[in-house]
Amino acid sequence: MEKYFAALNSLEKITPLRFGRLLQFFENDAERIWKGSRHDWQRAGLEFKAVSEIFSEKEKINPDEIFTKLQKVGAQVLPITSEKYPKLLREIFDPPPVLLVRGEFPISADDFAIAVVGSRILTNYGRQATHEIARDLAVAGISIISGLALGADAAAHAAALEVGGRTVAVLGNGIEAIYPPRNKNLGEEILRKGGAIISEFPIGTPPNAYNFPLRNRIIAGLARGTVVTEGREKSGSLITASLANEFGREVFAVPGSIFSENSLGAIQLIQRGEAQLITSAADVLDTLELRDLPEKIKVREIIADSAEETVLLKILQKTARHADEISRESGMTASEASAILSLLEMKGLAKNLGGMNWVRV
């Protein structure tokens, strides 16, 4: 199945929207999609012209060859239909139908990921701010997401690695090549130390300029929040911040000197109310209520999920429900339900709003 997802992902004319229509029509079966007729593809909702162009391209592609190339560079195929696909990314408007992954993608921790981005040309102040915030977030158990570019991206990745943290680099090119080449050693260190490098682009895709805004939506989509440490007025990091706002995620910005061009982007985000002013990682953790994250992670690792937890998680919703209502619906006693709800809160899966009202996180 994976080889067909990889082959479909290599077809330039299959946009996320078209891919979604095909998955729905063919019941998430990539092999059926690949072997389906032009007529079936049109029945799935694709236009006649697009189907003709895609099938002309499709005739030149061998799924086995693509899959072999991915295996040679140590890349895994992670389709959107997989349970391991990050749920935060799945929530955005146009999630990539397929992710190509090298390394160990911290899927289990994707609720606790923060994007750290900024200028490619950092001032000393920007470098220090990026390093300290990314480092302290990593120490708290946050996975650091960035784009492996020069400047802030590289500083954020390096800071996470320095303290034994997890970091994920999102590429704007094919999964086989670390770009820019100057960050090759950093990319290899990310893989060596348990992080991951990911890309939605087919193997062999060059780092074209128009790829990077697409890359930025993945950076923002993977994270609960985005931190802009330094950036000019038209910095690419502001695109990431804008996307994070569109996705309903938190955006944070580090204030800088009004006399520095590198600070103008972050300052404008704060002025327009598009980002919260922060001076430390603690501000991020407080806003996202993750100060006790290390304890939450520890509890998740020590205590396995139970059937009772599963029942309550199905009952809990994004809107508040009273503990008595939850207890009645679950068939548990009030004390049993209360104990399990408290455990779910420790795990970061539920939240007590007060007044015995609970929501699912």
Protein backbone atom coordinates (compact mmCIF):
# COMPACT_ATOMS: atom_id res chain seq x y z
CA MET A 1 0.00 0.00 0.00
CA GLU A 2 2.80 2.45 0.90
CA LYS A 3 4.38 2.24 -2.54
CA TYR A 4 1.13 3.32 -4.16
CA PHE A 5 0.79 6.26 -1.79
CA ALA A 6 4.34 7.29 -2.69
CA ALA A 7 3.61 6.90 -6.40
CA LEU A 8 0.40 8.94 -6.18
CA ASN A 9 2.27 11.60 -4.21
CA SER A 10 4.74 11.93 -7.07
CA LEU A 11 2.00 13.02 -9.48
CA GLU A 12 2.26 16.79 -9.76
CA LYS A 13 -1.37 17.42 -10.69
CA ILE A 14 -2.82 15.62 -7.67
CA THR A 15 -3.50 18.45 -5.23
CA PRO A 16 -4.46 17.68 -1.60
CA LEU A 17 -8.09 18.35 -2.54
CA ARG A 18 -8.03 15.92 -5.48
CA PHE A 19 -6.15 13.36 -3.40
CA GLY A 20 -8.86 13.63 -0.73
CA ARG A 21 -11.61 13.03 -3.28
CA LEU A 22 -9.82 9.94 -4.57
CA LEU A 23 -9.31 8.58 -1.07
CA GLN A 24 -12.99 9.05 -0.28
CA PHE A 25 -14.18 7.43 -3.48
CA PHE A 26 -11.77 4.49 -3.31
CA GLU A 27 -12.21 4.02 0.45
CA ASN A 28 -8.62 4.98 1.38
CA ASP A 29 -7.18 2.21 -0.77
CA ALA A 30 -4.15 3.64 -2.61
CA GLU A 31 -3.68 0.53 -4.74
CA ARG A 32 -7.27 0.78 -6.00
CA ILE A 33 -6.72 4.45 -6.79
CA TRP A 34 -3.56 3.71 -8.73
CA LYS A 35 -5.18 0.90 -10.70
CA GLY A 36 -8.50 2.67 -11.13
CA SER A 37 -9.78 3.71 -14.56
CA ARG A 38 -9.99 7.25 -15.89
CA HIS A 39 -13.76 6.92 -15.66
CA ASP A 40 -13.57 6.04 -11.97
CA TRP A 41 -11.27 8.98 -11.30
CA GLN A 42 -13.82 11.27 -12.93
CA ARG A 43 -16.57 9.68 -10.86
CA ALA A 44 -14.45 10.56 -7.81
CA GLY A 45 -14.84 14.22 -8.74
CA LEU A 46 -11.74 15.02 -10.79
CA GLU A 47 -12.10 17.09 -13.95
CA PHE A 48 -11.66 15.42 -17.34
CA LYS A 49 -8.65 17.58 -18.28
CA ALA A 50 -6.90 16.94 -14.96
CA VAL A 51 -7.47 13.19 -15.25
CA SER A 52 -6.03 13.16 -18.78
CA GLU A 53 -2.92 15.05 -17.65
CA ILE A 54 -2.44 12.89 -14.56
CA PHE A 55 -2.80 9.62 -16.48
CA SER A 56 -0.27 10.78 -19.07
CA GLU A 57 2.17 11.44 -16.25
CA LYS A 58 1.18 8.26 -14.43
CA GLU A 59 2.20 6.07 -17.37
CA LYS A 60 5.84 7.12 -16.85
CA ILE A 61 5.92 6.18 -13.16
CA ASN A 62 6.78 2.83 -11.62
CA PRO A 63 5.63 2.56 -7.98
CA ASP A 64 8.24 -0.10 -7.21
CA GLU A 65 11.08 2.12 -8.43
CA ILE A 66 9.89 5.09 -6.35
CA PHE A 67 9.52 2.93 -3.25
CA THR A 68 12.99 1.44 -3.75
CA LYS A 69 14.51 4.92 -3.97
CA LEU A 70 12.81 5.91 -0.72
CA GLN A 71 14.05 2.79 1.01
CA LYS A 72 17.62 3.52 -0.10
CA VAL A 73 17.57 6.89 1.67
CA GLY A 74 15.85 5.42 4.73
CA ALA A 75 12.53 7.21 4.20
CA GLN A 76 9.19 5.91 5.40
CA VAL A 77 5.85 6.68 3.76
CA LEU A 78 3.25 8.09 6.14
CA PRO A 79 -0.16 8.57 4.47
CA ILE A 80 -2.91 10.68 5.96
CA THR A 81 -4.97 7.51 6.42
CA SER A 82 -2.46 6.14 8.93
CA GLU A 83 -3.20 6.21 12.66
CA LYS A 84 0.36 7.50 13.08
CA TYR A 85 -0.28 10.61 10.99
CA PRO A 86 -0.06 13.63 13.33
CA LYS A 87 -3.56 14.65 14.32
CA LEU A 88 -2.74 18.35 14.59
CA LEU A 89 -1.57 18.41 10.99
CA ARG A 90 -4.66 16.52 9.86
CA GLU A 91 -6.80 19.36 11.24
CA ILE A 92 -5.53 22.07 8.85
CA PHE A 93 -7.37 23.05 5.67
CA ASP A 94 -5.06 21.28 3.21
CA PRO A 95 -2.95 18.70 5.04
CA PRO A 96 -0.38 16.88 2.90
CA PRO A 97 -1.89 13.53 1.85
CA VAL A 98 1.53 11.89 2.25
CA LEU A 99 4.52 12.64 4.45
CA LEU A 100 7.93 11.16 3.73
CA VAL A 101 9.85 10.64 6.95
CA ARG A 102 13.48 9.97 7.81
CA GLY A 103 14.28 9.24 11.43
CA GLU A 104 11.97 8.87 14.40
CA PHE A 105 8.94 11.09 14.06
CA PRO A 106 7.72 11.88 17.62
CA ILE A 107 4.11 11.12 16.79
CA SER A 108 3.18 10.35 20.40
CA ALA A 109 4.38 13.82 21.38
CA ASP A 110 2.83 15.81 18.56
CA ASP A 111 0.39 17.49 20.96
CA PHE A 112 3.46 18.96 22.62
CA ALA A 113 5.24 20.51 19.64
CA ILE A 114 6.13 24.16 19.14
CA ALA A 115 7.43 25.74 15.94
CA VAL A 116 10.38 28.10 16.39
CA VAL A 117 11.14 30.26 13.35
CA GLY A 118 12.80 33.52 12.45
CA SER A 119 15.26 35.30 10.23
CA ARG A 120 17.88 33.51 8.13
CA ILE A 121 20.34 36.26 9.11
CA LEU A 122 20.20 36.56 12.88
CA THR A 123 21.59 39.31 15.04
CA ASN A 124 23.43 38.25 18.18
CA TYR A 125 20.29 39.14 20.12
CA GLY A 126 18.12 37.02 17.83
CA ARG A 127 20.50 34.09 18.06
CA GLN A 128 20.54 34.24 21.84
CA ALA A 129 16.75 34.56 22.09
CA THR A 130 16.17 31.67 19.67
CA HIS A 131 18.66 29.46 21.47
CA GLU A 132 17.35 30.08 24.96
CA ILE A 133 13.65 29.76 24.11
CA ALA A 134 14.08 26.60 22.01
CA ARG A 135 16.42 25.09 24.61
CA ASP A 136 14.06 25.74 27.51
CA LEU A 137 11.05 24.45 25.58
CA ALA A 138 12.98 21.27 24.77
CA VAL A 139 13.96 20.82 28.41
CA ALA A 140 10.25 21.04 29.30
CA GLY A 141 9.49 18.13 26.95
CA ILE A 142 8.40 20.12 23.90
CA SER A 143 9.35 18.86 20.44
CA ILE A 144 10.85 21.72 18.42
CA ILE A 145 9.60 22.07 14.84
CA SER A 146 11.47 24.19 12.30
CA GLY A 147 12.62 24.27 8.70
CA LEU A 148 16.37 23.50 8.81
CA ALA A 149 17.13 26.84 7.14
CA LEU A 150 20.10 29.00 8.04
CA GLY A 151 19.69 31.35 10.98
CA ALA A 152 16.82 30.88 13.41
CA ASP A 153 15.78 27.42 12.15
CA ALA A 154 19.26 25.99 12.60
CA ALA A 155 19.66 27.68 15.98
CA ALA A 156 16.36 26.21 17.21
CA HIS A 157 17.21 22.68 16.07
CA ALA A 158 20.70 22.89 17.58
CA ALA A 159 19.39 24.19 20.91
CA ALA A 160 16.97 21.26 21.22
CA LEU A 161 19.70 18.75 20.43
CA GLU A 162 22.05 20.38 22.92
CA VAL A 163 19.80 19.40 25.83
CA GLY A 164 18.80 15.98 24.49
CA GLY A 165 15.45 17.20 23.18
CA ARG A 166 13.46 16.09 20.15
CA THR A 167 13.34 18.16 16.99
CA VAL A 168 11.71 17.80 13.59
CA ALA A 169 12.99 19.50 10.43
CA VAL A 170 10.50 20.13 7.61
CA LEU A 171 12.07 20.38 4.15
CA GLY A 172 11.01 22.37 1.12
CA ASN A 173 12.60 19.81 -1.20
CA GLY A 174 12.90 16.06 -1.67
CA ILE A 175 13.47 13.94 1.43
CA GLU A 176 16.81 12.60 0.18
CA ALA A 177 18.70 15.93 0.29
CA ILE A 178 19.40 18.17 3.26
CA TYR A 179 19.03 21.78 2.21
CA PRO A 180 20.84 24.07 2.51
CA PRO A 181 23.98 21.93 2.16
CA ARG A 182 25.64 23.96 4.90
CA ASN A 183 23.24 22.33 7.38
CA LYS A 184 24.01 18.77 6.31
CA ASN A 185 25.85 17.98 9.54
CA LEU A 186 23.00 19.43 11.59
CA GLY A 187 20.47 17.35 9.67
CA GLU A 188 22.48 14.20 10.24
CA GLU A 189 22.74 15.02 13.94
CA ILE A 190 18.96 15.40 14.13
CA LEU A 191 18.58 11.89 12.72
CA ARG A 192 21.34 10.45 14.87
CA LYS A 193 19.82 11.84 18.07
CA GLY A 194 16.29 10.55 17.60
CA GLY A 195 14.67 13.37 15.66
CA ALA A 196 13.17 13.40 12.20
CA ILE A 197 13.40 15.07 8.81
CA ILE A 198 10.15 15.16 6.87
CA SER A 199 8.89 16.37 3.50
CA GLU A 200 5.70 16.19 1.47
CA PHE A 201 7.61 16.59 -1.79
CA PRO A 202 8.45 13.61 -4.02
CA ILE A 203 12.00 12.34 -3.98
CA GLY A 204 14.18 14.40 -6.32
CA THR A 205 12.22 17.65 -5.87
CA PRO A 206 14.62 20.65 -5.93
CA PRO A 207 14.32 23.46 -3.34
CA ASN A 208 12.27 25.78 -5.53
CA ALA A 209 11.20 29.09 -3.96
CA TYR A 210 7.48 28.31 -4.25
CA ASN A 211 7.92 25.14 -2.18
CA PHE A 212 8.72 27.02 1.02
CA PRO A 213 5.32 28.59 1.74
CA LEU A 214 3.91 25.07 1.37
CA ARG A 215 6.60 23.80 3.73
CA ASN A 216 5.68 26.54 6.20
CA ARG A 217 2.08 25.34 6.47
CA ILE A 218 3.39 21.97 7.67
CA ILE A 219 5.62 23.65 10.25
CA ALA A 220 2.65 25.63 11.58
CA GLY A 221 0.27 22.69 11.24
CA LEU A 222 2.40 20.30 13.30
CA ALA A 223 2.67 22.67 16.25
CA ARG A 224 0.35 23.86 19.00
CA GLY A 225 2.00 27.25 18.70
CA THR A 226 4.57 29.16 16.66
CA VAL A 227 7.33 31.35 18.11
CA VAL A 228 8.85 34.08 15.92
CA THR A 229 12.12 35.10 17.51
CA GLU A 230 13.32 37.59 14.91
CA GLY A 231 12.27 38.53 11.41
CA ARG A 232 12.07 41.38 8.93
CA GLU A 233 8.81 42.82 7.64
CA LYS A 234 8.59 40.34 4.75
CA SER A 235 10.33 37.43 6.43
CA GLY A 236 9.21 33.90 5.58
CA SER A 237 8.69 33.38 9.30
CA LEU A 238 5.76 35.81 9.12
CA ILE A 239 4.12 33.49 6.56
CA THR A 240 4.40 30.69 9.10
CA ALA A 241 2.92 32.95 11.79
CA SER A 242 0.05 33.95 9.51
CA LEU A 243 -0.70 30.31 8.73
CA ALA A 244 -0.61 29.40 12.42
CA ASN A 245 -3.21 32.11 13.07
CA GLU A 246 -5.36 30.74 10.23
CA PHE A 247 -5.18 27.29 11.81
CA GLY A 248 -6.32 28.68 15.16
CA ARG A 249 -2.98 28.03 16.83
CA GLU A 250 -1.17 30.33 19.25
CA VAL A 251 1.46 32.71 17.86
CA PHE A 252 4.21 34.23 19.97
CA ALA A 253 6.79 36.89 19.12
CA VAL A 254 9.94 38.11 20.82
CA PRO A 255 10.21 41.91 20.97
CA GLY A 256 13.43 43.46 19.70
CA SER A 257 15.05 46.80 19.12
CA ILE A 258 12.97 49.33 17.17
CA PHE A 259 16.22 50.30 15.46
CA SER A 260 16.83 46.81 14.05
CA GLU A 261 15.25 45.78 10.72
CA ASN A 262 15.37 42.20 11.95
CA SER A 263 12.92 43.04 14.73
CA LEU A 264 10.28 44.83 12.66
CA GLY A 265 8.38 41.69 11.66
CA ALA A 266 7.97 40.46 15.23
CA ILE A 267 7.09 43.95 16.46
CA GLN A 268 4.37 44.30 13.82
CA LEU A 269 2.89 40.93 14.75
CA ILE A 270 2.60 42.14 18.33
CA GLN A 271 1.23 45.57 17.32
CA ARG A 272 -1.49 44.03 15.16
CA GLY A 273 -2.52 41.63 17.89
CA GLU A 274 -1.46 38.67 15.77
CA ALA A 275 1.08 37.42 18.30
CA GLN A 276 1.52 37.40 22.04
CA LEU A 277 4.62 39.16 23.31
CA ILE A 278 6.93 36.74 25.10
CA THR A 279 10.30 37.05 26.77
CA SER A 280 10.92 33.42 27.68
CA ALA A 281 9.82 29.83 27.12
CA ALA A 282 7.89 30.08 30.38
CA ASP A 283 5.47 32.53 28.72
CA VAL A 284 4.74 29.95 26.02
CA LEU A 285 4.29 27.13 28.52
CA ASP A 286 1.96 29.24 30.69
CA THR A 287 -0.24 30.27 27.75
CA LEU A 288 -0.56 26.67 26.56
CA GLU A 289 -0.89 25.39 30.14
CA LEU A 290 2.11 23.12 29.71
CA ARG A 291 4.16 24.08 32.77
CA ASP A 292 3.63 20.57 34.16
CA LEU A 293 4.33 18.86 30.83
CA PRO A 294 7.26 16.73 32.10
CA GLU A 295 4.93 15.22 34.72
CA LYS A 296 2.22 14.64 32.08
CA ILE A 297 4.68 12.85 29.82
CA LYS A 298 5.93 10.75 32.73
CA VAL A 299 2.40 9.70 33.63
CA ARG A 300 1.64 8.79 30.02
CA GLU A 301 4.71 6.61 29.87
CA ILE A 302 4.12 4.89 33.22
CA ILE A 303 0.37 4.29 33.14
CA ALA A 304 -1.09 2.44 30.19
CA ASP A 305 -4.50 3.32 28.77
CA SER A 306 -7.38 1.30 30.22
CA ALA A 307 -10.81 0.33 28.97
CA GLU A 308 -12.34 2.79 31.47
CA GLU A 309 -10.23 5.64 30.10
CA THR A 310 -11.32 4.77 26.58
CA VAL A 311 -14.98 4.93 27.62
CA LEU A 312 -14.62 8.37 29.19
CA LEU A 313 -12.60 9.74 26.28
CA LYS A 314 -15.45 8.79 23.96
CA ILE A 315 -17.92 10.60 26.20
CA LEU A 316 -15.83 13.74 26.73
CA GLN A 317 -16.28 16.50 24.16
CA LYS A 318 -14.81 19.90 23.31
CA THR A 319 -17.83 21.47 24.99
CA ALA A 320 -18.17 21.15 28.76
CA ARG A 321 -19.97 18.19 30.30
CA HIS A 322 -20.80 17.81 33.98
CA ALA A 323 -19.14 14.99 35.94
CA ASP A 324 -22.54 13.59 36.98
CA GLU A 325 -23.63 13.39 33.34
CA ILE A 326 -20.35 11.69 32.41
CA SER A 327 -20.78 9.23 35.29
CA ARG A 328 -24.34 8.30 34.28
CA GLU A 329 -23.46 7.83 30.62
CA SER A 330 -20.40 5.70 31.40
CA GLY A 331 -22.19 3.49 33.91
CA MET A 332 -19.49 4.21 36.49
CA THR A 333 -19.99 5.44 40.01
CA ALA A 334 -19.27 9.11 40.63
CA SER A 335 -16.07 8.29 42.52
CA GLU A 336 -14.82 5.92 39.78
CA ALA A 337 -15.46 8.47 37.03
CA SER A 338 -13.86 11.24 39.10
CA ALA A 339 -10.68 9.22 39.66
CA ILE A 340 -10.31 8.39 35.96
CA LEU A 341 -11.07 11.97 34.91
CA SER A 342 -8.31 13.17 37.24
CA LEU A 343 -5.92 10.67 35.68
CA LEU A 344 -6.87 11.83 32.17
CA GLU A 345 -6.19 15.41 33.25
CA MET A 346 -2.73 14.41 34.47
CA LYS A 347 -2.12 12.86 31.07
CA GLY A 348 -3.16 16.06 29.33
CA LEU A 349 -6.20 14.42 27.73
CA ALA A 350 -8.94 16.15 29.74
CA LYS A 351 -9.40 19.41 31.61
CA ASN A 352 -11.44 20.38 34.67
CA LEU A 353 -13.09 23.75 33.98
CA GLY A 354 -14.37 24.05 37.54
CA GLY A 355 -17.83 23.36 38.89
CA MET A 356 -17.32 19.65 38.03
CA ASN A 357 -17.40 20.50 34.30
CA TRP A 358 -14.97 18.63 32.07
CA VAL A 359 -13.81 18.89 28.46
CA ARG A 360 -11.58 16.79 26.26
CA VAL A 361 -8.26 18.42 25.38
